[in-house]
Amino acid sequence: MRPFVRRMLLVVGLMALALIAGTIGFVLIEGWSWFDAFYFTLFTLTTVGYQELHALSRSGRIFNSILIALGVTTVFFAIGLITQFAVEAELGEVFKRRRQKRMLDKLDDHYIVCGAGRVGRAVIRELVRSGASFAVIDSEPKRAQWALEQGYMAVLADATQDETLQGVHIERAKGLVAALPTDAQNVYIVLTARGMNLDLTIVARASNDQAGAKLRQAGANVVFTPYSHTGHRLAQALLRPHVLSFLDMASAFEGSDLDLQIEQIPVGPTSACAACTLEQARLPQKFGIIVLAVVKNGGRMEFNPSGLTVMQPGDVLIAMGESSKLRLLEQQVTGEPA
């Protein structure tokens, strides 16, 4: 139970206890009826200040003085409690906004998720699983609040506005996902984001192929149509169920119980693998992984590369294996320290 609720229950309990004690006290001391005793105790505790219903004896006045002191103390305590709660809530929001701004200012090489609906949340789950840093933007308060409650960096704002994207440092971002409900919003986001960061990898959702073509023209690198993608997966589940199960397992799809991933790893300029052939590097033997393809610096992909394929800085290895072994491979190939 929250501290504020506990304190308010304490105030209510004290008032109820004083009301009961005062009613019984006036009945016993003054011999009044239960209703008169209750009524007189009520306006005494609430400090309303009506005149006495009946003349009070000396003992009654002493008892009434105690009730007045108790009532005033309880009222002031309740006022102070409510004031404290309001101030703490306001200060808490101020500090929360400042803390979030500091966290946003530290973002670098991160991802931006525009939209925290069903598609956006699926993207967020995958980013969390991969350990990537990201920020969420949504103009719907409930969706933005959901992201904040999950502990993610989230901004309640319009993702189509330049200042919103600047606030999440799009100039330093690695990628952006446009997953808002309408195609028009996603096209506008892609246009805006591409103009602000030419090197940004942009992935967008589209409701149909026509909208997908517009998103590509706007600058999206990859466009997904959920209905077409779902239809394709359903057909694959019928025609090639074992192939689909393997692909789901290799891509760590939700429901997979094996630690198997397909990862892309860039060859760094300081890597010991640079200018070496796959045979010389002996990556499969050292790390227990499979090199599926090598994407050359110009974009050409060599599928199932031979041992004579030379790895140059800027190339990208597509490898499959256990996640822990892929992390070790990444340190070797990128040349970055552990």
C-alpha atoms as a PDB file:
ATOM      1  CA  MET A   1       0.000   0.000   0.000  1.00  0.00           C
ATOM      2  CA  ARG A   2       1.299   3.468  -0.869  1.00  0.00           C
ATOM      3  CA  PRO A   3       2.518   5.683   2.043  1.00  0.00           C
ATOM      4  CA  PHE A   4      -0.013   8.421   1.204  1.00  0.00           C
ATOM      5  CA  VAL A   5      -2.908   5.963   1.364  1.00  0.00           C
ATOM      6  CA  ARG A   6      -1.652   4.578   4.678  1.00  0.00           C
ATOM      7  CA  ARG A   7      -1.433   8.070   6.142  1.00  0.00           C
ATOM      8  CA  MET A   8      -4.905   9.019   4.952  1.00  0.00           C
ATOM      9  CA  LEU A   9      -6.299   5.829   6.453  1.00  0.00           C
ATOM     10  CA  LEU A  10      -4.573   6.810   9.694  1.00  0.00           C
ATOM     11  CA  VAL A  11      -6.259  10.245   9.607  1.00  0.00           C
ATOM     12  CA  VAL A  12      -9.666   8.707   8.904  1.00  0.00           C
ATOM     13  CA  GLY A  13      -9.114   6.161  11.670  1.00  0.00           C
ATOM     14  CA  LEU A  14      -8.191   8.856  14.178  1.00  0.00           C
ATOM     15  CA  MET A  15     -11.270  10.905  13.272  1.00  0.00           C
ATOM     16  CA  ALA A  16     -13.531   7.865  13.566  1.00  0.00           C
ATOM     17  CA  LEU A  17     -11.998   6.876  16.894  1.00  0.00           C
ATOM     18  CA  ALA A  18     -12.362  10.419  18.249  1.00  0.00           C
ATOM     19  CA  LEU A  19     -15.972  10.583  17.035  1.00  0.00           C
ATOM     20  CA  ILE A  20     -16.836   7.338  18.787  1.00  0.00           C
ATOM     21  CA  ALA A  21     -14.989   8.308  21.967  1.00  0.00           C
ATOM     22  CA  GLY A  22     -16.606  11.756  22.023  1.00  0.00           C
ATOM     23  CA  THR A  23     -20.099  10.366  21.522  1.00  0.00           C
ATOM     24  CA  ILE A  24     -19.676   7.848  24.329  1.00  0.00           C
ATOM     25  CA  GLY A  25     -18.042  10.485  26.565  1.00  0.00           C
ATOM     26  CA  PHE A  26     -20.916  12.971  26.275  1.00  0.00           C
ATOM     27  CA  VAL A  27     -23.477  10.227  26.865  1.00  0.00           C
ATOM     28  CA  LEU A  28     -21.704   9.110  30.038  1.00  0.00           C
ATOM     29  CA  ILE A  29     -20.651  12.553  31.340  1.00  0.00           C
ATOM     30  CA  GLU A  30     -23.659  14.696  30.401  1.00  0.00           C
ATOM     31  CA  GLY A  31     -26.335  12.036  30.048  1.00  0.00           C
ATOM     32  CA  TRP A  32     -27.307  13.216  26.552  1.00  0.00           C
ATOM     33  CA  SER A  33     -29.015  11.117  23.935  1.00  0.00           C
ATOM     34  CA  TRP A  34     -26.789   9.203  21.514  1.00  0.00           C
ATOM     35  CA  PHE A  35     -27.783  11.407  18.564  1.00  0.00           C
ATOM     36  CA  ASP A  36     -27.165  14.681  20.448  1.00  0.00           C
ATOM     37  CA  ALA A  37     -23.823  13.380  21.690  1.00  0.00           C
ATOM     38  CA  PHE A  38     -22.818  12.280  18.165  1.00  0.00           C
ATOM     39  CA  TYR A  39     -23.931  15.562  16.578  1.00  0.00           C
ATOM     40  CA  PHE A  40     -22.164  17.714  19.150  1.00  0.00           C
ATOM     41  CA  THR A  41     -18.962  15.620  18.836  1.00  0.00           C
ATOM     42  CA  LEU A  42     -19.099  15.902  15.035  1.00  0.00           C
ATOM     43  CA  PHE A  43     -19.198  19.690  14.826  1.00  0.00           C
ATOM     44  CA  THR A  44     -16.665  19.962  17.687  1.00  0.00           C
ATOM     45  CA  LEU A  45     -14.112  17.778  15.890  1.00  0.00           C
ATOM     46  CA  THR A  46     -14.657  19.496  12.540  1.00  0.00           C
ATOM     47  CA  THR A  47     -14.292  22.919  14.254  1.00  0.00           C
ATOM     48  CA  VAL A  48     -17.512  24.172  12.640  1.00  0.00           C
ATOM     49  CA  GLY A  49     -18.343  26.186  15.760  1.00  0.00           C
ATOM     50  CA  TYR A  50     -22.098  25.829  16.342  1.00  0.00           C
ATOM     51  CA  GLN A  51     -23.450  26.805  19.732  1.00  0.00           C
ATOM     52  CA  GLU A  52     -23.748  24.162  22.431  1.00  0.00           C
ATOM     53  CA  LEU A  53     -26.842  21.961  22.196  1.00  0.00           C
ATOM     54  CA  HIS A  54     -27.076  21.760  26.005  1.00  0.00           C
ATOM     55  CA  ALA A  55     -25.291  23.465  28.852  1.00  0.00           C
ATOM     56  CA  LEU A  56     -22.037  21.689  29.664  1.00  0.00           C
ATOM     57  CA  SER A  57     -20.872  20.823  33.136  1.00  0.00           C
ATOM     58  CA  ARG A  58     -17.267  21.475  34.228  1.00  0.00           C
ATOM     59  CA  SER A  59     -16.324  17.878  33.419  1.00  0.00           C
ATOM     60  CA  GLY A  60     -18.066  18.170  30.056  1.00  0.00           C
ATOM     61  CA  ARG A  61     -16.137  21.330  29.188  1.00  0.00           C
ATOM     62  CA  ILE A  62     -12.807  19.687  30.057  1.00  0.00           C
ATOM     63  CA  PHE A  63     -13.720  16.697  27.908  1.00  0.00           C
ATOM     64  CA  ASN A  64     -14.885  18.998  25.097  1.00  0.00           C
ATOM     65  CA  SER A  65     -11.586  20.949  25.246  1.00  0.00           C
ATOM     66  CA  ILE A  66      -9.695  17.703  24.662  1.00  0.00           C
ATOM     67  CA  LEU A  67     -11.957  16.946  21.686  1.00  0.00           C
ATOM     68  CA  ILE A  68     -11.367  20.415  20.205  1.00  0.00           C
ATOM     69  CA  ALA A  69      -7.587  20.018  20.489  1.00  0.00           C
ATOM     70  CA  LEU A  70      -7.777  16.571  18.935  1.00  0.00           C
ATOM     71  CA  GLY A  71      -9.997  17.802  16.098  1.00  0.00           C
ATOM     72  CA  VAL A  72      -7.769  20.794  15.267  1.00  0.00           C
ATOM     73  CA  THR A  73      -4.645  18.607  15.367  1.00  0.00           C
ATOM     74  CA  THR A  74      -6.194  16.011  13.082  1.00  0.00           C
ATOM     75  CA  VAL A  75      -7.415  18.617  10.588  1.00  0.00           C
ATOM     76  CA  PHE A  76      -4.008  20.295  10.418  1.00  0.00           C
ATOM     77  CA  PHE A  77      -2.353  16.902  10.065  1.00  0.00           C
ATOM     78  CA  ALA A  78      -4.639  16.054   7.143  1.00  0.00           C
ATOM     79  CA  ILE A  79      -3.989  19.418   5.464  1.00  0.00           C
ATOM     80  CA  GLY A  80      -0.242  18.987   5.918  1.00  0.00           C
ATOM     81  CA  LEU A  81      -0.416  15.462   4.547  1.00  0.00           C
ATOM     82  CA  ILE A  82      -2.276  16.539   1.407  1.00  0.00           C
ATOM     83  CA  THR A  83       0.080  19.482   0.898  1.00  0.00           C
ATOM     84  CA  GLN A  84       3.113  17.244   1.321  1.00  0.00           C
ATOM     85  CA  PHE A  85       1.722  14.765  -1.182  1.00  0.00           C
ATOM     86  CA  ALA A  86       1.051  17.511  -3.748  1.00  0.00           C
ATOM     87  CA  VAL A  87       4.535  19.017  -3.339  1.00  0.00           C
ATOM     88  CA  GLU A  88       6.255  15.625  -3.480  1.00  0.00           C
ATOM     89  CA  ALA A  89       4.279  14.684  -6.575  1.00  0.00           C
ATOM     90  CA  GLU A  90       5.179  17.932  -8.319  1.00  0.00           C
ATOM     91  CA  LEU A  91       8.849  17.727  -7.356  1.00  0.00           C
ATOM     92  CA  GLY A  92       8.873  14.057  -8.322  1.00  0.00           C
ATOM     93  CA  GLU A  93       7.646  14.907 -11.808  1.00  0.00           C
ATOM     94  CA  VAL A  94      10.235  17.668 -12.149  1.00  0.00           C
ATOM     95  CA  PHE A  95      13.091  15.390 -11.095  1.00  0.00           C
ATOM     96  CA  LYS A  96      11.714  12.595 -13.278  1.00  0.00           C
ATOM     97  CA  ARG A  97      11.690  14.853 -16.341  1.00  0.00           C
ATOM     98  CA  ARG A  98      15.212  16.075 -15.596  1.00  0.00           C
ATOM     99  CA  ARG A  99      16.465  12.532 -15.108  1.00  0.00           C
ATOM    100  CA  GLN A 100      14.888  11.405 -18.359  1.00  0.00           C
ATOM    101  CA  LYS A 101      16.377  14.372 -20.211  1.00  0.00           C
ATOM    102  CA  ARG A 102      19.827  13.489 -18.882  1.00  0.00           C
ATOM    103  CA  MET A 103      19.333   9.897 -20.047  1.00  0.00           C
ATOM    104  CA  LEU A 104      18.176  11.065 -23.473  1.00  0.00           C
ATOM    105  CA  ASP A 105      21.191  13.359 -23.758  1.00  0.00           C
ATOM    106  CA  LYS A 106      23.462  10.356 -23.188  1.00  0.00           C
ATOM    107  CA  LEU A 107      21.922   8.351 -26.034  1.00  0.00           C
ATOM    108  CA  ASP A 108      24.356   7.447 -28.777  1.00  0.00           C
ATOM    109  CA  ASP A 109      24.272   4.788 -31.494  1.00  0.00           C
ATOM    110  CA  HIS A 110      20.731   4.007 -30.369  1.00  0.00           C
ATOM    111  CA  TYR A 111      17.391   3.170 -31.945  1.00  0.00           C
ATOM    112  CA  ILE A 112      14.201   5.219 -32.074  1.00  0.00           C
ATOM    113  CA  VAL A 113      10.824   3.491 -31.989  1.00  0.00           C
ATOM    114  CA  CYS A 114       8.002   5.719 -33.229  1.00  0.00           C
ATOM    115  CA  GLY A 115       4.774   4.192 -31.970  1.00  0.00           C
ATOM    116  CA  ALA A 116       4.188   1.860 -29.000  1.00  0.00           C
ATOM    117  CA  GLY A 117       1.204  -0.007 -30.393  1.00  0.00           C
ATOM    118  CA  ARG A 118       1.144  -3.743 -31.090  1.00  0.00           C
ATOM    119  CA  VAL A 119       3.849  -3.577 -33.755  1.00  0.00           C
ATOM    120  CA  GLY A 120       5.950  -1.103 -31.791  1.00  0.00           C
ATOM    121  CA  ARG A 121       5.793  -3.225 -28.644  1.00  0.00           C
ATOM    122  CA  ALA A 122       6.965  -6.281 -30.576  1.00  0.00           C
ATOM    123  CA  VAL A 123       9.936  -4.214 -31.794  1.00  0.00           C
ATOM    124  CA  ILE A 124      10.631  -3.029 -28.243  1.00  0.00           C
ATOM    125  CA  ARG A 125      10.635  -6.602 -26.904  1.00  0.00           C
ATOM    126  CA  GLU A 126      13.227  -7.604 -29.492  1.00  0.00           C
ATOM    127  CA  LEU A 127      15.399  -4.575 -28.739  1.00  0.00           C
ATOM    128  CA  VAL A 128      15.250  -5.365 -25.024  1.00  0.00           C
ATOM    129  CA  ARG A 129      16.171  -8.988 -25.711  1.00  0.00           C
ATOM    130  CA  SER A 130      19.139  -7.840 -27.781  1.00  0.00           C
ATOM    131  CA  GLY A 131      20.295  -5.391 -25.115  1.00  0.00           C
ATOM    132  CA  ALA A 132      20.102  -2.410 -27.486  1.00  0.00           C
ATOM    133  CA  SER A 133      19.573   1.142 -26.254  1.00  0.00           C
ATOM    134  CA  PHE A 134      16.459   2.847 -27.585  1.00  0.00           C
ATOM    135  CA  ALA A 135      13.910   5.589 -27.038  1.00  0.00           C
ATOM    136  CA  VAL A 136      10.165   5.402 -27.627  1.00  0.00           C
ATOM    137  CA  ILE A 137       8.043   8.208 -29.064  1.00  0.00           C
ATOM    138  CA  ASP A 138       4.247   8.180 -28.990  1.00  0.00           C
ATOM    139  CA  SER A 139       1.625  10.915 -28.940  1.00  0.00           C
ATOM    140  CA  GLU A 140      -0.930   8.670 -27.222  1.00  0.00           C
ATOM    141  CA  PRO A 141      -0.656   9.178 -23.421  1.00  0.00           C
ATOM    142  CA  LYS A 142      -1.616   5.608 -22.528  1.00  0.00           C
ATOM    143  CA  ARG A 143       0.989   4.069 -24.815  1.00  0.00           C
ATOM    144  CA  ALA A 144       3.695   6.475 -23.687  1.00  0.00           C
ATOM    145  CA  GLN A 145       2.776   5.803 -20.052  1.00  0.00           C
ATOM    146  CA  TRP A 146       3.022   2.063 -20.697  1.00  0.00           C
ATOM    147  CA  ALA A 147       6.579   2.491 -21.971  1.00  0.00           C
ATOM    148  CA  LEU A 148       7.534   4.606 -18.950  1.00  0.00           C
ATOM    149  CA  GLU A 149       6.035   2.083 -16.541  1.00  0.00           C
ATOM    150  CA  GLN A 150       8.138  -0.632 -18.179  1.00  0.00           C
ATOM    151  CA  GLY A 151      11.234   1.426 -17.422  1.00  0.00           C
ATOM    152  CA  TYR A 152      11.966   2.457 -21.008  1.00  0.00           C
ATOM    153  CA  MET A 153      12.987   5.917 -22.148  1.00  0.00           C
ATOM    154  CA  ALA A 154       9.812   7.349 -23.646  1.00  0.00           C
ATOM    155  CA  VAL A 155       8.639  10.716 -24.907  1.00  0.00           C
ATOM    156  CA  LEU A 156       5.009  11.819 -25.104  1.00  0.00           C
ATOM    157  CA  ALA A 157       5.156  13.840 -28.312  1.00  0.00           C
ATOM    158  CA  ASP A 158       4.408  13.899 -32.037  1.00  0.00           C
ATOM    159  CA  ALA A 159       7.106  11.896 -33.820  1.00  0.00           C
ATOM    160  CA  THR A 160       6.493  13.770 -37.078  1.00  0.00           C
ATOM    161  CA  GLN A 161       7.839  17.008 -35.592  1.00  0.00           C
ATOM    162  CA  ASP A 162      11.491  17.988 -36.062  1.00  0.00           C
ATOM    163  CA  GLU A 163      11.947  19.072 -32.445  1.00  0.00           C
ATOM    164  CA  THR A 164      10.697  15.704 -31.190  1.00  0.00           C
ATOM    165  CA  LEU A 165      13.276  13.776 -33.213  1.00  0.00           C
ATOM    166  CA  GLN A 166      15.947  16.267 -32.231  1.00  0.00           C
ATOM    167  CA  GLY A 167      15.031  15.670 -28.587  1.00  0.00           C
ATOM    168  CA  VAL A 168      15.930  11.975 -28.912  1.00  0.00           C
ATOM    169  CA  HIS A 169      19.118  12.914 -30.798  1.00  0.00           C
ATOM    170  CA  ILE A 170      18.308  11.445 -34.178  1.00  0.00           C
ATOM    171  CA  GLU A 171      21.617  12.799 -35.472  1.00  0.00           C
ATOM    172  CA  ARG A 172      23.390  10.196 -33.292  1.00  0.00           C
ATOM    173  CA  ALA A 173      20.873   7.386 -33.794  1.00  0.00           C
ATOM    174  CA  LYS A 174      21.653   4.100 -35.497  1.00  0.00           C
ATOM    175  CA  GLY A 175      18.169   3.250 -36.679  1.00  0.00           C
ATOM    176  CA  LEU A 176      14.515   4.262 -36.574  1.00  0.00           C
ATOM    177  CA  VAL A 177      11.304   2.259 -36.683  1.00  0.00           C
ATOM    178  CA  ALA A 178       8.174   3.988 -38.029  1.00  0.00           C
ATOM    179  CA  ALA A 179       5.324   1.955 -36.546  1.00  0.00           C
ATOM    180  CA  LEU A 180       2.496   4.460 -36.179  1.00  0.00           C
ATOM    181  CA  PRO A 181      -1.080   3.397 -37.030  1.00  0.00           C
ATOM    182  CA  THR A 182      -1.455   5.274 -40.335  1.00  0.00           C
ATOM    183  CA  ASP A 183       0.642   5.167 -43.500  1.00  0.00           C
ATOM    184  CA  ALA A 184       0.519   8.959 -43.813  1.00  0.00           C
ATOM    185  CA  GLN A 185       2.152   9.406 -40.402  1.00  0.00           C
ATOM    186  CA  ASN A 186       4.830   6.844 -41.191  1.00  0.00           C
ATOM    187  CA  VAL A 187       5.623   8.457 -44.556  1.00  0.00           C
ATOM    188  CA  TYR A 188       5.970  11.852 -42.865  1.00  0.00           C
ATOM    189  CA  ILE A 189       8.238  10.411 -40.172  1.00  0.00           C
ATOM    190  CA  VAL A 190      10.446   8.712 -42.763  1.00  0.00           C
ATOM    191  CA  LEU A 191      10.735  11.929 -44.787  1.00  0.00           C
ATOM    192  CA  THR A 192      11.610  13.954 -41.703  1.00  0.00           C
ATOM    193  CA  ALA A 193      14.060  11.407 -40.297  1.00  0.00           C
ATOM    194  CA  ARG A 194      15.851  10.893 -43.600  1.00  0.00           C
ATOM    195  CA  GLY A 195      16.342  14.632 -43.976  1.00  0.00           C
ATOM    196  CA  MET A 196      17.872  14.844 -40.503  1.00  0.00           C
ATOM    197  CA  ASN A 197      20.187  11.826 -40.753  1.00  0.00           C
ATOM    198  CA  LEU A 198      21.222  10.523 -44.164  1.00  0.00           C
ATOM    199  CA  ASP A 199      23.030   7.491 -42.696  1.00  0.00           C
ATOM    200  CA  LEU A 200      20.098   6.380 -40.551  1.00  0.00           C
ATOM    201  CA  THR A 201      18.680   2.884 -41.097  1.00  0.00           C
ATOM    202  CA  ILE A 202      14.913   3.331 -41.327  1.00  0.00           C
ATOM    203  CA  VAL A 203      12.423   0.472 -41.075  1.00  0.00           C
ATOM    204  CA  ALA A 204       8.724   1.197 -41.539  1.00  0.00           C
ATOM    205  CA  ARG A 205       5.427  -0.625 -41.460  1.00  0.00           C
ATOM    206  CA  ALA A 206       2.855  -0.241 -44.226  1.00  0.00           C
ATOM    207  CA  SER A 207      -0.738  -1.366 -44.543  1.00  0.00           C
ATOM    208  CA  ASN A 208      -0.368  -2.324 -48.221  1.00  0.00           C
ATOM    209  CA  ASP A 209       2.125  -2.534 -51.082  1.00  0.00           C
ATOM    210  CA  GLN A 210       1.168   0.882 -52.468  1.00  0.00           C
ATOM    211  CA  ALA A 211       1.968   2.548 -49.155  1.00  0.00           C
ATOM    212  CA  GLY A 212       5.154   0.493 -49.006  1.00  0.00           C
ATOM    213  CA  ALA A 213       6.320   1.943 -52.324  1.00  0.00           C
ATOM    214  CA  LYS A 214       5.731   5.474 -51.014  1.00  0.00           C
ATOM    215  CA  LEU A 215       7.688   4.730 -47.854  1.00  0.00           C
ATOM    216  CA  ARG A 216      10.642   3.493 -49.902  1.00  0.00           C
ATOM    217  CA  GLN A 217      10.490   6.632 -52.015  1.00  0.00           C
ATOM    218  CA  ALA A 218      10.452   8.693 -48.822  1.00  0.00           C
ATOM    219  CA  GLY A 219      13.693   7.059 -47.717  1.00  0.00           C
ATOM    220  CA  ALA A 220      12.867   3.865 -45.812  1.00  0.00           C
ATOM    221  CA  ASN A 221      15.514   1.151 -46.127  1.00  0.00           C
ATOM    222  CA  VAL A 222      13.125  -1.687 -45.300  1.00  0.00           C
ATOM    223  CA  VAL A 223       9.327  -1.783 -45.391  1.00  0.00           C
ATOM    224  CA  PHE A 224       7.140  -4.475 -43.837  1.00  0.00           C
ATOM    225  CA  THR A 225       3.470  -5.056 -44.518  1.00  0.00           C
ATOM    226  CA  PRO A 226       2.152  -7.001 -41.495  1.00  0.00           C
ATOM    227  CA  TYR A 227      -0.685  -8.673 -43.403  1.00  0.00           C
ATOM    228  CA  SER A 228       1.537  -9.856 -46.260  1.00  0.00           C
ATOM    229  CA  HIS A 229       4.196 -10.988 -43.812  1.00  0.00           C
ATOM    230  CA  THR A 230       1.645 -12.915 -41.744  1.00  0.00           C
ATOM    231  CA  GLY A 231       0.205 -14.514 -44.867  1.00  0.00           C
ATOM    232  CA  HIS A 232       3.670 -15.564 -45.977  1.00  0.00           C
ATOM    233  CA  ARG A 233       4.396 -17.152 -42.590  1.00  0.00           C
ATOM    234  CA  LEU A 234       1.068 -18.986 -42.588  1.00  0.00           C
ATOM    235  CA  ALA A 235       1.791 -20.421 -46.035  1.00  0.00           C
ATOM    236  CA  GLN A 236       5.299 -21.451 -44.955  1.00  0.00           C
ATOM    237  CA  ALA A 237       3.861 -23.147 -41.873  1.00  0.00           C
ATOM    238  CA  LEU A 238       1.705 -25.264 -44.188  1.00  0.00           C
ATOM    239  CA  LEU A 239       4.237 -25.969 -46.940  1.00  0.00           C
ATOM    240  CA  ARG A 240       7.568 -26.000 -45.066  1.00  0.00           C
ATOM    241  CA  PRO A 241       6.887 -26.275 -41.332  1.00  0.00           C
ATOM    242  CA  HIS A 242      10.376 -27.556 -40.423  1.00  0.00           C
ATOM    243  CA  VAL A 243      12.069 -24.777 -42.400  1.00  0.00           C
ATOM    244  CA  LEU A 244       9.909 -22.184 -40.643  1.00  0.00           C
ATOM    245  CA  SER A 245      10.668 -23.706 -37.241  1.00  0.00           C
ATOM    246  CA  PHE A 246      14.387 -23.556 -37.971  1.00  0.00           C
ATOM    247  CA  LEU A 247      14.215 -19.928 -39.112  1.00  0.00           C
ATOM    248  CA  ASP A 248      12.227 -18.989 -36.014  1.00  0.00           C
ATOM    249  CA  MET A 249      14.766 -20.757 -33.833  1.00  0.00           C
ATOM    250  CA  ALA A 250      17.733 -19.140 -35.608  1.00  0.00           C
ATOM    251  CA  SER A 251      16.222 -15.671 -35.333  1.00  0.00           C
ATOM    252  CA  ALA A 252      15.361 -16.156 -31.628  1.00  0.00           C
ATOM    253  CA  PHE A 253      11.691 -15.772 -32.441  1.00  0.00           C
ATOM    254  CA  GLU A 254       9.350 -15.669 -29.443  1.00  0.00           C
ATOM    255  CA  GLY A 255       8.687 -19.204 -28.256  1.00  0.00           C
ATOM    256  CA  SER A 256      12.110 -20.563 -29.214  1.00  0.00           C
ATOM    257  CA  ASP A 257      13.730 -22.542 -26.406  1.00  0.00           C
ATOM    258  CA  LEU A 258      17.210 -22.799 -27.959  1.00  0.00           C
ATOM    259  CA  ASP A 259      19.987 -20.250 -27.603  1.00  0.00           C
ATOM    260  CA  LEU A 260      20.618 -19.866 -31.337  1.00  0.00           C
ATOM    261  CA  GLN A 261      20.898 -16.617 -33.266  1.00  0.00           C
ATOM    262  CA  ILE A 262      21.803 -15.191 -36.640  1.00  0.00           C
ATOM    263  CA  GLU A 263      23.897 -12.055 -36.240  1.00  0.00           C
ATOM    264  CA  GLN A 264      25.593  -9.536 -38.524  1.00  0.00           C
ATOM    265  CA  ILE A 265      29.097  -8.538 -37.466  1.00  0.00           C
ATOM    266  CA  PRO A 266      31.128  -5.786 -39.183  1.00  0.00           C
ATOM    267  CA  VAL A 267      34.828  -6.268 -39.786  1.00  0.00           C
ATOM    268  CA  GLY A 268      36.658  -3.490 -37.949  1.00  0.00           C
ATOM    269  CA  PRO A 269      39.749  -1.667 -39.254  1.00  0.00           C
ATOM    270  CA  THR A 270      41.798  -2.848 -36.243  1.00  0.00           C
ATOM    271  CA  SER A 271      40.491  -6.409 -36.353  1.00  0.00           C
ATOM    272  CA  ALA A 272      42.971  -9.293 -36.477  1.00  0.00           C
ATOM    273  CA  CYS A 273      40.698 -10.777 -39.152  1.00  0.00           C
ATOM    274  CA  ALA A 274      41.100  -7.838 -41.537  1.00  0.00           C
ATOM    275  CA  ALA A 275      42.808  -8.831 -44.801  1.00  0.00           C
ATOM    276  CA  CYS A 276      42.618 -12.508 -43.767  1.00  0.00           C
ATOM    277  CA  THR A 277      40.748 -15.278 -45.557  1.00  0.00           C
ATOM    278  CA  LEU A 278      38.060 -17.244 -43.738  1.00  0.00           C
ATOM    279  CA  GLU A 279      40.355 -20.271 -43.900  1.00  0.00           C
ATOM    280  CA  GLN A 280      43.181 -18.366 -42.233  1.00  0.00           C
ATOM    281  CA  ALA A 281      40.934 -16.909 -39.529  1.00  0.00           C
ATOM    282  CA  ARG A 282      39.412 -20.353 -38.738  1.00  0.00           C
ATOM    283  CA  LEU A 283      36.355 -18.721 -37.192  1.00  0.00           C
ATOM    284  CA  PRO A 284      34.080 -21.805 -37.279  1.00  0.00           C
ATOM    285  CA  GLN A 285      36.743 -23.926 -35.593  1.00  0.00           C
ATOM    286  CA  LYS A 286      37.567 -21.325 -32.921  1.00  0.00           C
ATOM    287  CA  PHE A 287      34.051 -20.236 -32.014  1.00  0.00           C
ATOM    288  CA  GLY A 288      31.786 -23.066 -33.115  1.00  0.00           C
ATOM    289  CA  ILE A 289      29.724 -20.867 -35.428  1.00  0.00           C
ATOM    290  CA  ILE A 290      28.683 -21.005 -39.089  1.00  0.00           C
ATOM    291  CA  VAL A 291      29.478 -18.166 -41.493  1.00  0.00           C
ATOM    292  CA  LEU A 292      26.417 -18.016 -43.739  1.00  0.00           C
ATOM    293  CA  ALA A 293      27.429 -15.072 -45.911  1.00  0.00           C
ATOM    294  CA  VAL A 294      29.785 -12.138 -46.293  1.00  0.00           C
ATOM    295  CA  VAL A 295      28.408  -8.779 -47.367  1.00  0.00           C
ATOM    296  CA  LYS A 296      31.209  -6.919 -49.127  1.00  0.00           C
ATOM    297  CA  ASN A 297      31.798  -3.231 -48.567  1.00  0.00           C
ATOM    298  CA  GLY A 298      30.045  -2.337 -51.822  1.00  0.00           C
ATOM    299  CA  GLY A 299      26.880  -4.243 -50.872  1.00  0.00           C
ATOM    300  CA  ARG A 300      27.477  -7.465 -52.825  1.00  0.00           C
ATOM    301  CA  MET A 301      26.614 -10.573 -50.805  1.00  0.00           C
ATOM    302  CA  GLU A 302      28.592 -13.805 -51.030  1.00  0.00           C
ATOM    303  CA  PHE A 303      26.385 -16.625 -49.778  1.00  0.00           C
ATOM    304  CA  ASN A 304      28.113 -19.703 -48.303  1.00  0.00           C
ATOM    305  CA  PRO A 305      31.546 -18.101 -48.836  1.00  0.00           C
ATOM    306  CA  SER A 306      34.535 -20.271 -49.550  1.00  0.00           C
ATOM    307  CA  GLY A 307      37.610 -20.421 -47.336  1.00  0.00           C
ATOM    308  CA  LEU A 308      39.419 -18.182 -49.829  1.00  0.00           C
ATOM    309  CA  THR A 309      37.060 -15.249 -49.214  1.00  0.00           C
ATOM    310  CA  VAL A 310      39.071 -12.308 -47.887  1.00  0.00           C
ATOM    311  CA  MET A 311      37.566 -10.243 -45.069  1.00  0.00           C
ATOM    312  CA  GLN A 312      38.220  -6.537 -45.522  1.00  0.00           C
ATOM    313  CA  PRO A 313      37.386  -3.644 -43.167  1.00  0.00           C
ATOM    314  CA  GLY A 314      33.821  -2.574 -43.860  1.00  0.00           C
ATOM    315  CA  ASP A 315      32.654  -6.089 -44.794  1.00  0.00           C
ATOM    316  CA  VAL A 316      29.882  -7.673 -42.733  1.00  0.00           C
ATOM    317  CA  LEU A 317      29.783 -11.318 -41.672  1.00  0.00           C
ATOM    318  CA  ILE A 318      26.420 -13.049 -41.384  1.00  0.00           C
ATOM    319  CA  ALA A 319      27.008 -15.771 -38.805  1.00  0.00           C
ATOM    320  CA  MET A 320      24.841 -18.250 -36.926  1.00  0.00           C
ATOM    321  CA  GLY A 321      25.542 -19.806 -33.556  1.00  0.00           C
ATOM    322  CA  GLU A 322      24.925 -19.612 -29.833  1.00  0.00           C
ATOM    323  CA  SER A 323      24.606 -16.070 -28.533  1.00  0.00           C
ATOM    324  CA  SER A 324      27.571 -16.362 -26.145  1.00  0.00           C
ATOM    325  CA  LYS A 325      29.841 -17.584 -28.941  1.00  0.00           C
ATOM    326  CA  LEU A 326      28.596 -14.856 -31.263  1.00  0.00           C
ATOM    327  CA  ARG A 327      29.586 -12.271 -28.642  1.00  0.00           C
ATOM    328  CA  LEU A 328      33.120 -13.687 -28.596  1.00  0.00           C
ATOM    329  CA  LEU A 329      33.179 -13.706 -32.398  1.00  0.00           C
ATOM    330  CA  GLU A 330      32.074 -10.086 -32.446  1.00  0.00           C
ATOM    331  CA  GLN A 331      34.988  -9.046 -30.234  1.00  0.00           C
ATOM    332  CA  GLN A 332      37.397 -10.848 -32.558  1.00  0.00           C
ATOM    333  CA  VAL A 333      35.979  -9.563 -35.829  1.00  0.00           C
ATOM    334  CA  THR A 334      35.230  -5.959 -34.859  1.00  0.00           C
ATOM    335  CA  GLY A 335      38.515  -5.550 -33.010  1.00  0.00           C
ATOM    336  CA  GLU A 336      36.759  -3.875 -30.071  1.00  0.00           C
ATOM    337  CA  PRO A 337      37.858  -4.681 -26.501  1.00  0.00           C
ATOM    338  CA  ALA A 338      35.646  -6.900 -24.375  1.00  0.00           C
END
